[in-house]
Amino acid sequence: RHTSLGSFEHIARATLDRQRLRLQHFNRNTGARTAREVSPQRLTCYRDNWYLEAWCHTREAIRSFALDAIESAELLSELAIELDDAQLAEVLGTGFGMFNGRDVQWAELVFAPLRAGWISRQIWHPEQVGEFLPDGRFRVRIPYTDDRELVNDIMSYMPDVTVVGPATLAQRVMAVLRAGISAQSNSSSSCELKAN
């Protein structure tokens, strides 16, 4: 995803110089724009995208911001507060993907034999636990705290994956599948009408 060079330079400088930033942040899920004052802790490249991990003074919590969702970044004169690695790991290193927190749940996924060999070699999370089943399927348990990214990854393996648990994750996947089928059905109907 595209990140403006100017914003990246301000954010990188603030991170290195231990200075606070004032961000204008766009939330892709809600469409809301918010002003945030943050103490940058580190920059992380994940799946070819950059993220700022910071103490958010506005929310009084550790947050991760996708750089492409930061519309502006203003360097402030105040020094950033510094968190140690253990504090960051407690929040940012607990679950699958970039969306993290303290409430860890475990996803249990079972992959069809067609995907089993490939999935068995993938590292989704350092604490994952996987095993081949007698029928050639592969079962993996993955810790997560926010299901948004996990649901997207699960969808990319459909129909060769089954969500065994927890029930809330299985329900979210079903809801996304139903919404996709509905959107595709509506799209197909309008295409048929245009063709007639």
N, C-alpha and C. Protein backbone atom coordinates (compact mmCIF):
# COMPACT_ATOMS: atom_id res chain seq x y z
N ARG A 1 0.85 -1.19 0.00
CA ARG A 1 0.00 0.00 0.00
C ARG A 1 0.88 1.23 0.00
N HIS A 2 0.40 2.29 -0.64
CA HIS A 2 1.19 3.50 -0.81
C HIS A 2 1.29 4.30 0.50
N THR A 3 2.52 4.67 0.84
CA THR A 3 2.77 5.55 1.99
C THR A 3 3.53 6.77 1.48
N SER A 4 3.10 7.96 1.88
CA SER A 4 3.80 9.16 1.40
C SER A 4 5.19 9.23 2.03
N LEU A 5 6.15 9.61 1.19
CA LEU A 5 7.54 9.68 1.64
C LEU A 5 7.71 10.71 2.75
N GLY A 6 6.99 11.85 2.63
CA GLY A 6 7.08 12.89 3.66
C GLY A 6 6.65 12.40 5.02
N SER A 7 5.52 11.70 5.09
CA SER A 7 5.04 11.15 6.37
C SER A 7 6.02 10.13 6.91
N PHE A 8 6.53 9.27 6.03
CA PHE A 8 7.47 8.24 6.48
C PHE A 8 8.71 8.89 7.09
N GLU A 9 9.23 9.95 6.46
CA GLU A 9 10.43 10.62 6.98
C GLU A 9 10.17 11.24 8.34
N HIS A 10 9.02 11.93 8.51
CA HIS A 10 8.68 12.53 9.82
C HIS A 10 8.56 11.46 10.90
N ILE A 11 7.91 10.37 10.56
CA ILE A 11 7.68 9.30 11.53
C ILE A 11 8.99 8.61 11.89
N ALA A 12 9.82 8.34 10.89
CA ALA A 12 11.12 7.70 11.15
C ALA A 12 12.01 8.61 11.99
N ARG A 13 12.02 9.91 11.67
CA ARG A 13 12.84 10.86 12.43
C ARG A 13 12.37 10.93 13.89
N ALA A 14 11.06 11.01 14.09
CA ALA A 14 10.52 11.07 15.45
C ALA A 14 10.84 9.80 16.23
N THR A 15 10.81 8.67 15.57
CA THR A 15 11.11 7.40 16.23
C THR A 15 12.57 7.36 16.65
N LEU A 16 13.46 7.77 15.75
CA LEU A 16 14.90 7.76 16.06
C LEU A 16 15.27 8.82 17.10
N ASP A 17 14.66 10.00 17.00
CA ASP A 17 15.02 11.11 17.90
C ASP A 17 14.22 11.10 19.20
N ARG A 18 13.31 10.13 19.35
CA ARG A 18 12.48 9.97 20.55
C ARG A 18 11.64 11.20 20.81
N GLN A 19 10.96 11.69 19.76
CA GLN A 19 10.07 12.85 19.88
C GLN A 19 8.63 12.43 19.61
N ARG A 20 7.70 13.17 20.22
CA ARG A 20 6.29 12.89 20.01
C ARG A 20 5.84 13.36 18.63
N LEU A 21 4.73 12.77 18.19
CA LEU A 21 4.11 13.13 16.92
C LEU A 21 2.64 13.44 17.12
N ARG A 22 2.12 14.34 16.31
CA ARG A 22 0.67 14.52 16.21
C ARG A 22 0.26 13.96 14.86
N LEU A 23 -0.62 12.96 14.89
CA LEU A 23 -1.04 12.28 13.67
C LEU A 23 -2.49 12.62 13.33
N GLN A 24 -2.77 12.67 12.04
CA GLN A 24 -4.14 12.65 11.55
C GLN A 24 -4.31 11.24 11.00
N HIS A 25 -5.17 10.45 11.65
CA HIS A 25 -5.29 9.03 11.32
C HIS A 25 -6.65 8.71 10.74
N PHE A 26 -6.65 7.92 9.66
CA PHE A 26 -7.89 7.49 9.02
C PHE A 26 -8.16 6.03 9.38
N ASN A 27 -9.33 5.78 9.96
CA ASN A 27 -9.72 4.42 10.32
C ASN A 27 -10.49 3.81 9.15
N ARG A 28 -9.87 2.82 8.50
CA ARG A 28 -10.49 2.22 7.32
C ARG A 28 -11.77 1.47 7.64
N ASN A 29 -11.92 0.98 8.86
CA ASN A 29 -13.11 0.21 9.23
C ASN A 29 -14.32 1.10 9.45
N THR A 30 -14.10 2.29 10.06
CA THR A 30 -15.24 3.15 10.40
C THR A 30 -15.35 4.37 9.48
N GLY A 31 -14.26 4.69 8.78
CA GLY A 31 -14.24 5.89 7.95
C GLY A 31 -13.98 7.16 8.75
N ALA A 32 -13.72 7.02 10.05
CA ALA A 32 -13.49 8.19 10.91
C ALA A 32 -12.04 8.66 10.80
N ARG A 33 -11.88 9.97 10.97
CA ARG A 33 -10.55 10.57 11.04
C ARG A 33 -10.36 11.11 12.45
N THR A 34 -9.21 10.79 13.06
CA THR A 34 -8.96 11.25 14.42
C THR A 34 -7.56 11.85 14.52
N ALA A 35 -7.43 12.84 15.40
CA ALA A 35 -6.12 13.40 15.72
C ALA A 35 -5.58 12.60 16.90
N ARG A 36 -4.34 12.16 16.79
CA ARG A 36 -3.70 11.40 17.85
C ARG A 36 -2.35 12.00 18.19
N GLU A 37 -2.05 12.07 19.48
CA GLU A 37 -0.69 12.41 19.90
C GLU A 37 -0.05 11.11 20.37
N VAL A 38 1.12 10.80 19.81
CA VAL A 38 1.75 9.51 20.10
C VAL A 38 3.23 9.67 20.45
N SER A 39 3.72 8.70 21.22
CA SER A 39 5.15 8.55 21.47
C SER A 39 5.61 7.34 20.66
N PRO A 40 6.29 7.56 19.52
CA PRO A 40 6.72 6.44 18.67
C PRO A 40 7.68 5.52 19.42
N GLN A 41 7.50 4.22 19.23
CA GLN A 41 8.39 3.24 19.84
C GLN A 41 9.25 2.53 18.80
N ARG A 42 8.60 2.08 17.72
CA ARG A 42 9.35 1.41 16.65
C ARG A 42 8.53 1.35 15.37
N LEU A 43 9.24 1.18 14.25
CA LEU A 43 8.60 0.97 12.95
C LEU A 43 8.77 -0.50 12.59
N THR A 44 7.72 -1.10 12.07
CA THR A 44 7.74 -2.51 11.71
C THR A 44 7.23 -2.68 10.29
N CYS A 45 7.95 -3.48 9.52
CA CYS A 45 7.48 -3.84 8.18
C CYS A 45 6.86 -5.22 8.27
N TYR A 46 5.58 -5.32 7.91
CA TYR A 46 4.85 -6.58 8.01
C TYR A 46 4.05 -6.77 6.73
N ARG A 47 4.29 -7.88 6.04
CA ARG A 47 3.62 -8.18 4.78
C ARG A 47 3.72 -7.01 3.79
N ASP A 48 4.93 -6.49 3.67
CA ASP A 48 5.25 -5.41 2.72
C ASP A 48 4.58 -4.08 3.05
N ASN A 49 4.10 -3.91 4.25
CA ASN A 49 3.50 -2.64 4.68
C ASN A 49 4.16 -2.19 5.98
N TRP A 50 4.25 -0.86 6.15
CA TRP A 50 4.90 -0.29 7.34
C TRP A 50 3.87 0.08 8.40
N TYR A 51 4.24 -0.15 9.66
CA TYR A 51 3.38 0.15 10.81
C TYR A 51 4.20 0.90 11.85
N LEU A 52 3.57 1.88 12.47
CA LEU A 52 4.16 2.59 13.60
C LEU A 52 3.57 2.01 14.87
N GLU A 53 4.43 1.50 15.74
CA GLU A 53 4.00 1.01 17.04
C GLU A 53 4.34 2.10 18.05
N ALA A 54 3.31 2.54 18.80
CA ALA A 54 3.48 3.75 19.61
C ALA A 54 2.61 3.70 20.86
N TRP A 55 2.99 4.54 21.82
CA TRP A 55 2.11 4.82 22.95
C TRP A 55 1.20 5.95 22.49
N CYS A 56 -0.11 5.70 22.48
CA CYS A 56 -1.07 6.71 22.07
C CYS A 56 -1.52 7.47 23.31
N HIS A 57 -1.15 8.76 23.39
CA HIS A 57 -1.53 9.58 24.53
C HIS A 57 -3.04 9.88 24.50
N THR A 58 -3.62 9.84 23.32
CA THR A 58 -5.06 10.10 23.19
C THR A 58 -5.87 8.96 23.80
N ARG A 59 -5.47 7.72 23.50
CA ARG A 59 -6.18 6.53 24.00
C ARG A 59 -5.57 5.96 25.28
N GLU A 60 -4.39 6.47 25.65
CA GLU A 60 -3.64 5.99 26.82
C GLU A 60 -3.43 4.48 26.75
N ALA A 61 -2.90 4.05 25.60
CA ALA A 61 -2.65 2.62 25.38
C ALA A 61 -1.66 2.47 24.23
N ILE A 62 -1.07 1.28 24.14
CA ILE A 62 -0.19 0.96 23.02
C ILE A 62 -1.06 0.70 21.80
N ARG A 63 -0.67 1.29 20.68
CA ARG A 63 -1.42 1.13 19.44
C ARG A 63 -0.45 0.91 18.28
N SER A 64 -0.96 0.26 17.23
CA SER A 64 -0.21 0.07 16.00
C SER A 64 -0.97 0.79 14.89
N PHE A 65 -0.28 1.65 14.13
CA PHE A 65 -0.90 2.44 13.08
C PHE A 65 -0.28 2.07 11.73
N ALA A 66 -1.10 1.69 10.77
CA ALA A 66 -0.61 1.46 9.41
C ALA A 66 -0.19 2.82 8.84
N LEU A 67 1.02 2.90 8.32
CA LEU A 67 1.51 4.19 7.84
C LEU A 67 0.67 4.73 6.69
N ASP A 68 0.10 3.86 5.87
CA ASP A 68 -0.71 4.34 4.76
C ASP A 68 -2.04 4.94 5.24
N ALA A 69 -2.41 4.71 6.51
CA ALA A 69 -3.63 5.29 7.08
C ALA A 69 -3.34 6.59 7.84
N ILE A 70 -2.07 6.97 7.91
CA ILE A 70 -1.69 8.23 8.55
C ILE A 70 -1.68 9.31 7.47
N GLU A 71 -2.63 10.24 7.58
CA GLU A 71 -2.77 11.27 6.55
C GLU A 71 -1.78 12.42 6.73
N SER A 72 -1.38 12.68 7.98
CA SER A 72 -0.35 13.69 8.22
C SER A 72 0.34 13.36 9.54
N ALA A 73 1.60 13.78 9.63
CA ALA A 73 2.39 13.55 10.84
C ALA A 73 3.20 14.81 11.13
N GLU A 74 2.95 15.40 12.30
CA GLU A 74 3.63 16.63 12.69
C GLU A 74 4.55 16.33 13.87
N LEU A 75 5.82 16.68 13.71
CA LEU A 75 6.82 16.49 14.75
C LEU A 75 6.58 17.49 15.87
N LEU A 76 6.51 17.02 17.12
CA LEU A 76 6.29 17.89 18.27
C LEU A 76 7.60 18.08 19.03
N SER A 77 7.66 19.10 19.86
CA SER A 77 8.90 19.38 20.60
C SER A 77 9.04 18.50 21.84
N GLU A 78 7.91 17.95 22.34
CA GLU A 78 7.97 17.13 23.56
C GLU A 78 8.67 15.79 23.29
N LEU A 79 9.41 15.34 24.28
CA LEU A 79 10.07 14.04 24.17
C LEU A 79 9.03 12.91 24.29
N ALA A 80 9.28 11.84 23.57
CA ALA A 80 8.40 10.67 23.64
C ALA A 80 8.67 9.91 24.93
N ILE A 81 7.63 9.32 25.48
CA ILE A 81 7.86 8.40 26.60
C ILE A 81 8.40 7.10 26.00
N GLU A 82 9.24 6.41 26.74
CA GLU A 82 9.83 5.18 26.23
C GLU A 82 9.30 3.98 26.99
N LEU A 83 8.87 2.97 26.23
CA LEU A 83 8.41 1.72 26.80
C LEU A 83 9.49 0.67 26.58
N ASP A 84 9.59 -0.28 27.50
CA ASP A 84 10.58 -1.32 27.27
C ASP A 84 9.99 -2.42 26.38
N ASP A 85 10.87 -3.28 25.89
CA ASP A 85 10.45 -4.32 24.95
C ASP A 85 9.41 -5.26 25.56
N ALA A 86 9.51 -5.51 26.86
CA ALA A 86 8.54 -6.40 27.51
C ALA A 86 7.13 -5.83 27.45
N GLN A 87 7.01 -4.50 27.66
CA GLN A 87 5.69 -3.86 27.59
C GLN A 87 5.11 -3.95 26.18
N LEU A 88 5.95 -3.72 25.19
CA LEU A 88 5.49 -3.81 23.81
C LEU A 88 5.10 -5.24 23.46
N ALA A 89 5.92 -6.20 23.87
CA ALA A 89 5.65 -7.60 23.56
C ALA A 89 4.36 -8.09 24.21
N GLU A 90 4.06 -7.57 25.40
CA GLU A 90 2.85 -7.99 26.11
C GLU A 90 1.59 -7.66 25.31
N VAL A 91 1.62 -6.57 24.57
CA VAL A 91 0.44 -6.15 23.80
C VAL A 91 0.57 -6.52 22.33
N LEU A 92 1.76 -6.29 21.74
CA LEU A 92 1.91 -6.44 20.30
C LEU A 92 2.36 -7.82 19.87
N GLY A 93 2.88 -8.60 20.79
CA GLY A 93 3.42 -9.90 20.39
C GLY A 93 2.59 -11.09 20.83
N THR A 94 1.35 -10.85 21.22
CA THR A 94 0.56 -11.94 21.81
C THR A 94 -0.19 -12.78 20.80
N GLY A 95 -0.65 -12.20 19.72
CA GLY A 95 -1.51 -12.93 18.80
C GLY A 95 -1.11 -12.82 17.36
N PHE A 96 -1.87 -13.48 16.52
CA PHE A 96 -1.64 -13.52 15.09
C PHE A 96 -1.82 -12.14 14.46
N GLY A 97 -0.91 -11.76 13.56
CA GLY A 97 -1.10 -10.56 12.75
C GLY A 97 -0.79 -9.27 13.48
N MET A 98 -1.20 -8.16 12.87
CA MET A 98 -0.89 -6.83 13.37
C MET A 98 -1.88 -6.32 14.41
N PHE A 99 -3.07 -6.92 14.47
CA PHE A 99 -4.08 -6.44 15.41
C PHE A 99 -3.94 -7.23 16.70
N ASN A 100 -3.41 -6.60 17.72
CA ASN A 100 -3.10 -7.33 18.94
C ASN A 100 -3.74 -6.71 20.16
N GLY A 101 -3.64 -7.42 21.28
CA GLY A 101 -4.18 -6.97 22.55
C GLY A 101 -3.82 -7.98 23.61
N ARG A 102 -4.52 -7.92 24.72
CA ARG A 102 -4.19 -8.81 25.83
C ARG A 102 -5.12 -10.02 25.95
N ASP A 103 -6.29 -9.97 25.33
CA ASP A 103 -7.28 -11.03 25.46
C ASP A 103 -7.02 -12.10 24.40
N VAL A 104 -6.15 -13.07 24.72
CA VAL A 104 -5.73 -14.08 23.75
C VAL A 104 -6.73 -15.21 23.67
N GLN A 105 -7.11 -15.56 22.43
CA GLN A 105 -7.92 -16.74 22.16
C GLN A 105 -7.11 -17.63 21.23
N TRP A 106 -7.54 -18.89 21.09
CA TRP A 106 -6.83 -19.82 20.22
C TRP A 106 -7.76 -20.28 19.11
N ALA A 107 -7.33 -20.03 17.87
CA ALA A 107 -8.07 -20.52 16.71
C ALA A 107 -7.61 -21.94 16.43
N GLU A 108 -8.57 -22.82 16.16
CA GLU A 108 -8.24 -24.18 15.73
C GLU A 108 -8.76 -24.35 14.31
N LEU A 109 -7.83 -24.57 13.39
CA LEU A 109 -8.15 -24.69 11.97
C LEU A 109 -7.71 -26.05 11.46
N VAL A 110 -8.52 -26.65 10.59
CA VAL A 110 -8.16 -27.93 9.99
C VAL A 110 -8.15 -27.74 8.48
N PHE A 111 -7.02 -28.09 7.85
CA PHE A 111 -6.83 -27.92 6.42
C PHE A 111 -6.92 -29.26 5.69
N ALA A 112 -7.56 -29.24 4.53
CA ALA A 112 -7.72 -30.42 3.70
C ALA A 112 -6.36 -30.96 3.28
N PRO A 113 -6.27 -32.27 2.96
CA PRO A 113 -4.99 -32.87 2.57
C PRO A 113 -4.30 -32.11 1.43
N LEU A 114 -5.07 -31.55 0.51
CA LEU A 114 -4.51 -30.80 -0.61
C LEU A 114 -3.62 -29.64 -0.13
N ARG A 115 -3.99 -29.00 0.97
CA ARG A 115 -3.25 -27.86 1.51
C ARG A 115 -2.33 -28.24 2.68
N ALA A 116 -2.48 -29.44 3.21
CA ALA A 116 -1.82 -29.81 4.46
C ALA A 116 -0.30 -29.64 4.42
N GLY A 117 0.34 -30.14 3.36
CA GLY A 117 1.80 -30.06 3.28
C GLY A 117 2.28 -28.62 3.27
N TRP A 118 1.58 -27.77 2.52
CA TRP A 118 1.94 -26.35 2.42
C TRP A 118 1.75 -25.65 3.77
N ILE A 119 0.60 -25.87 4.39
CA ILE A 119 0.29 -25.20 5.65
C ILE A 119 1.23 -25.67 6.77
N SER A 120 1.60 -26.93 6.76
CA SER A 120 2.46 -27.46 7.82
C SER A 120 3.82 -26.78 7.86
N ARG A 121 4.23 -26.16 6.74
CA ARG A 121 5.53 -25.46 6.68
C ARG A 121 5.41 -23.96 6.93
N GLN A 122 4.19 -23.47 7.10
CA GLN A 122 4.00 -22.04 7.33
C GLN A 122 4.05 -21.71 8.81
N ILE A 123 4.70 -20.58 9.12
CA ILE A 123 4.73 -20.09 10.50
C ILE A 123 3.76 -18.92 10.55
N TRP A 124 2.60 -19.13 11.14
CA TRP A 124 1.61 -18.07 11.30
C TRP A 124 1.88 -17.29 12.58
N HIS A 125 2.41 -17.98 13.58
CA HIS A 125 2.73 -17.37 14.87
C HIS A 125 3.77 -18.25 15.56
N PRO A 126 4.74 -17.66 16.29
CA PRO A 126 5.80 -18.47 16.93
C PRO A 126 5.27 -19.52 17.90
N GLU A 127 4.09 -19.30 18.49
CA GLU A 127 3.55 -20.25 19.47
C GLU A 127 2.51 -21.21 18.88
N GLN A 128 2.36 -21.22 17.57
CA GLN A 128 1.38 -22.12 16.97
C GLN A 128 1.72 -23.57 17.25
N VAL A 129 0.70 -24.41 17.23
CA VAL A 129 0.87 -25.85 17.44
C VAL A 129 0.16 -26.55 16.29
N GLY A 130 0.87 -27.43 15.59
CA GLY A 130 0.26 -28.11 14.46
C GLY A 130 0.55 -29.60 14.46
N GLU A 131 -0.35 -30.36 13.79
CA GLU A 131 -0.15 -31.80 13.68
C GLU A 131 -0.93 -32.33 12.49
N PHE A 132 -0.36 -33.37 11.86
CA PHE A 132 -1.08 -34.08 10.81
C PHE A 132 -2.06 -35.03 11.45
N LEU A 133 -3.24 -35.12 10.87
CA LEU A 133 -4.27 -36.06 11.33
C LEU A 133 -4.16 -37.35 10.51
N PRO A 134 -4.68 -38.47 11.03
CA PRO A 134 -4.54 -39.76 10.34
C PRO A 134 -5.07 -39.75 8.90
N ASP A 135 -6.05 -38.91 8.60
CA ASP A 135 -6.62 -38.88 7.25
C ASP A 135 -5.90 -37.93 6.29
N GLY A 136 -4.73 -37.39 6.72
CA GLY A 136 -3.94 -36.53 5.85
C GLY A 136 -4.22 -35.05 6.00
N ARG A 137 -5.24 -34.69 6.80
CA ARG A 137 -5.50 -33.26 7.04
C ARG A 137 -4.48 -32.74 8.04
N PHE A 138 -4.39 -31.41 8.13
CA PHE A 138 -3.45 -30.79 9.07
C PHE A 138 -4.23 -29.86 9.99
N ARG A 139 -4.04 -30.03 11.30
CA ARG A 139 -4.71 -29.19 12.29
C ARG A 139 -3.68 -28.26 12.90
N VAL A 140 -4.05 -26.98 13.00
CA VAL A 140 -3.15 -25.99 13.60
C VAL A 140 -3.93 -25.14 14.58
N ARG A 141 -3.29 -24.83 15.72
CA ARG A 141 -3.87 -23.93 16.72
C ARG A 141 -2.99 -22.68 16.73
N ILE A 142 -3.65 -21.50 16.63
CA ILE A 142 -2.95 -20.22 16.50
C ILE A 142 -3.52 -19.23 17.51
N PRO A 143 -2.67 -18.57 18.31
CA PRO A 143 -3.18 -17.53 19.22
C PRO A 143 -3.52 -16.26 18.45
N TYR A 144 -4.61 -15.62 18.86
CA TYR A 144 -4.98 -14.34 18.24
C TYR A 144 -5.76 -13.52 19.26
N THR A 145 -5.78 -12.21 19.04
CA THR A 145 -6.51 -11.33 19.95
C THR A 145 -7.56 -10.52 19.21
N ASP A 146 -7.42 -10.38 17.91
CA ASP A 146 -8.36 -9.65 17.06
C ASP A 146 -8.49 -10.45 15.79
N ASP A 147 -9.71 -10.79 15.40
CA ASP A 147 -9.88 -11.75 14.31
C ASP A 147 -9.86 -11.16 12.91
N ARG A 148 -9.72 -9.85 12.75
CA ARG A 148 -9.85 -9.23 11.43
C ARG A 148 -8.87 -9.81 10.40
N GLU A 149 -7.59 -9.80 10.72
CA GLU A 149 -6.60 -10.30 9.76
C GLU A 149 -6.69 -11.82 9.62
N LEU A 150 -6.97 -12.50 10.71
CA LEU A 150 -7.08 -13.96 10.68
C LEU A 150 -8.24 -14.39 9.79
N VAL A 151 -9.38 -13.72 9.89
CA VAL A 151 -10.53 -14.05 9.04
C VAL A 151 -10.16 -13.88 7.58
N ASN A 152 -9.46 -12.80 7.23
CA ASN A 152 -9.04 -12.59 5.84
C ASN A 152 -8.15 -13.73 5.35
N ASP A 153 -7.22 -14.16 6.20
CA ASP A 153 -6.34 -15.26 5.80
C ASP A 153 -7.11 -16.57 5.66
N ILE A 154 -8.03 -16.82 6.58
CA ILE A 154 -8.85 -18.04 6.48
C ILE A 154 -9.62 -18.04 5.17
N MET A 155 -10.18 -16.88 4.81
CA MET A 155 -10.97 -16.79 3.57
C MET A 155 -10.12 -17.13 2.35
N SER A 156 -8.84 -16.81 2.39
CA SER A 156 -7.98 -17.08 1.23
C SER A 156 -7.76 -18.57 1.01
N TYR A 157 -8.05 -19.40 2.02
CA TYR A 157 -7.87 -20.85 1.89
C TYR A 157 -9.19 -21.60 1.68
N MET A 158 -10.29 -20.88 1.59
CA MET A 158 -11.57 -21.54 1.33
C MET A 158 -11.54 -22.17 -0.06
N PRO A 159 -12.10 -23.35 -0.26
CA PRO A 159 -12.88 -24.17 0.68
C PRO A 159 -12.07 -25.25 1.37
N ASP A 160 -10.74 -25.07 1.45
CA ASP A 160 -9.88 -26.13 1.97
C ASP A 160 -9.55 -25.99 3.46
N VAL A 161 -10.30 -25.16 4.18
CA VAL A 161 -10.06 -24.98 5.61
C VAL A 161 -11.40 -24.99 6.35
N THR A 162 -11.38 -25.57 7.54
CA THR A 162 -12.55 -25.58 8.43
C THR A 162 -12.14 -24.94 9.74
N VAL A 163 -12.96 -24.01 10.23
CA VAL A 163 -12.72 -23.39 11.53
C VAL A 163 -13.40 -24.26 12.57
N VAL A 164 -12.61 -24.93 13.40
CA VAL A 164 -13.15 -25.80 14.45
C VAL A 164 -13.56 -24.96 15.66
N GLY A 165 -12.81 -23.93 15.96
CA GLY A 165 -13.14 -23.09 17.10
C GLY A 165 -12.21 -21.90 17.16
N PRO A 166 -12.55 -20.95 18.02
CA PRO A 166 -13.76 -20.90 18.84
C PRO A 166 -15.00 -20.58 17.99
N ALA A 167 -16.15 -20.76 18.59
CA ALA A 167 -17.42 -20.57 17.87
C ALA A 167 -17.54 -19.15 17.32
N THR A 168 -17.06 -18.16 18.06
CA THR A 168 -17.17 -16.76 17.60
C THR A 168 -16.39 -16.55 16.30
N LEU A 169 -15.24 -17.20 16.18
CA LEU A 169 -14.44 -17.09 14.96
C LEU A 169 -15.16 -17.79 13.80
N ALA A 170 -15.69 -18.97 14.05
CA ALA A 170 -16.44 -19.69 13.02
C ALA A 170 -17.64 -18.87 12.55
N GLN A 171 -18.32 -18.22 13.48
CA GLN A 171 -19.48 -17.38 13.13
C GLN A 171 -19.07 -16.19 12.28
N ARG A 172 -17.93 -15.58 12.61
CA ARG A 172 -17.45 -14.43 11.83
C ARG A 172 -17.12 -14.86 10.40
N VAL A 173 -16.47 -16.03 10.27
CA VAL A 173 -16.14 -16.53 8.93
C VAL A 173 -17.42 -16.80 8.15
N MET A 174 -18.41 -17.41 8.78
CA MET A 174 -19.69 -17.68 8.12
C MET A 174 -20.37 -16.39 7.69
N ALA A 175 -20.32 -15.37 8.54
CA ALA A 175 -20.94 -14.08 8.21
C ALA A 175 -20.27 -13.46 6.99
N VAL A 176 -18.94 -13.54 6.92
CA VAL A 176 -18.22 -12.99 5.78
C VAL A 176 -18.55 -13.79 4.51
N LEU A 177 -18.62 -15.12 4.65
CA LEU A 177 -18.98 -15.95 3.50
C LEU A 177 -20.38 -15.60 2.98
N ARG A 178 -21.34 -15.48 3.90
CA ARG A 178 -22.72 -15.14 3.50
C ARG A 178 -22.77 -13.77 2.81
N ALA A 179 -22.05 -12.81 3.37
CA ALA A 179 -22.03 -11.46 2.77
C ALA A 179 -21.42 -11.51 1.38
N GLY A 180 -20.37 -12.31 1.21
CA GLY A 180 -19.74 -12.45 -0.10
C GLY A 180 -20.66 -13.11 -1.11
N ILE A 181 -21.36 -14.16 -0.68
CA ILE A 181 -22.31 -14.84 -1.57
C ILE A 181 -23.44 -13.89 -1.95
N SER A 182 -23.94 -13.13 -0.99
CA SER A 182 -25.01 -12.18 -1.26
C SER A 182 -24.56 -11.11 -2.26
N ALA A 183 -23.37 -10.56 -2.04
CA ALA A 183 -22.86 -9.53 -2.95
C ALA A 183 -22.66 -10.09 -4.34
N GLN A 184 -22.14 -11.31 -4.43
CA GLN A 184 -21.91 -11.93 -5.73
C GLN A 184 -23.23 -12.24 -6.42
N SER A 185 -24.21 -12.72 -5.65
CA SER A 185 -25.54 -13.01 -6.21
C SER A 185 -26.17 -11.74 -6.76
N ASN A 186 -26.11 -10.65 -6.01
CA ASN A 186 -26.66 -9.37 -6.46
C ASN A 186 -25.95 -8.87 -7.71
N SER A 187 -24.63 -9.04 -7.74
CA SER A 187 -23.84 -8.61 -8.88
C SER A 187 -24.20 -9.44 -10.12
N SER A 188 -24.36 -10.75 -9.93
CA SER A 188 -24.72 -11.64 -11.04
C SER A 188 -26.10 -11.31 -11.57
N SER A 189 -27.05 -10.99 -10.65
CA SER A 189 -28.41 -10.65 -11.08
C SER A 189 -28.40 -9.38 -11.91
N SER A 190 -27.65 -8.37 -11.48
CA SER A 190 -27.64 -7.11 -12.24
C SER A 190 -26.96 -7.31 -13.59
N CYS A 191 -25.97 -8.19 -13.65
CA CYS A 191 -25.30 -8.48 -14.93
C CYS A 191 -26.28 -9.17 -15.88
N GLU A 192 -27.09 -10.09 -15.35
CA GLU A 192 -28.08 -10.78 -16.17
C GLU A 192 -29.13 -9.81 -16.70
N LEU A 193 -29.56 -8.85 -15.85
CA LEU A 193 -30.54 -7.87 -16.29
C LEU A 193 -29.98 -7.01 -17.42
N LYS A 194 -28.71 -6.61 -17.29
CA LYS A 194 -28.09 -5.79 -18.33
C LYS A 194 -27.95 -6.57 -19.63
N ALA A 195 -27.66 -7.87 -19.50
CA ALA A 195 -27.49 -8.70 -20.69
C ALA A 195 -28.81 -8.88 -21.43
N ASN A 196 -29.94 -8.90 -20.69
CA ASN A 196 -31.26 -9.06 -21.33
C ASN A 196 -31.66 -7.74 -21.91
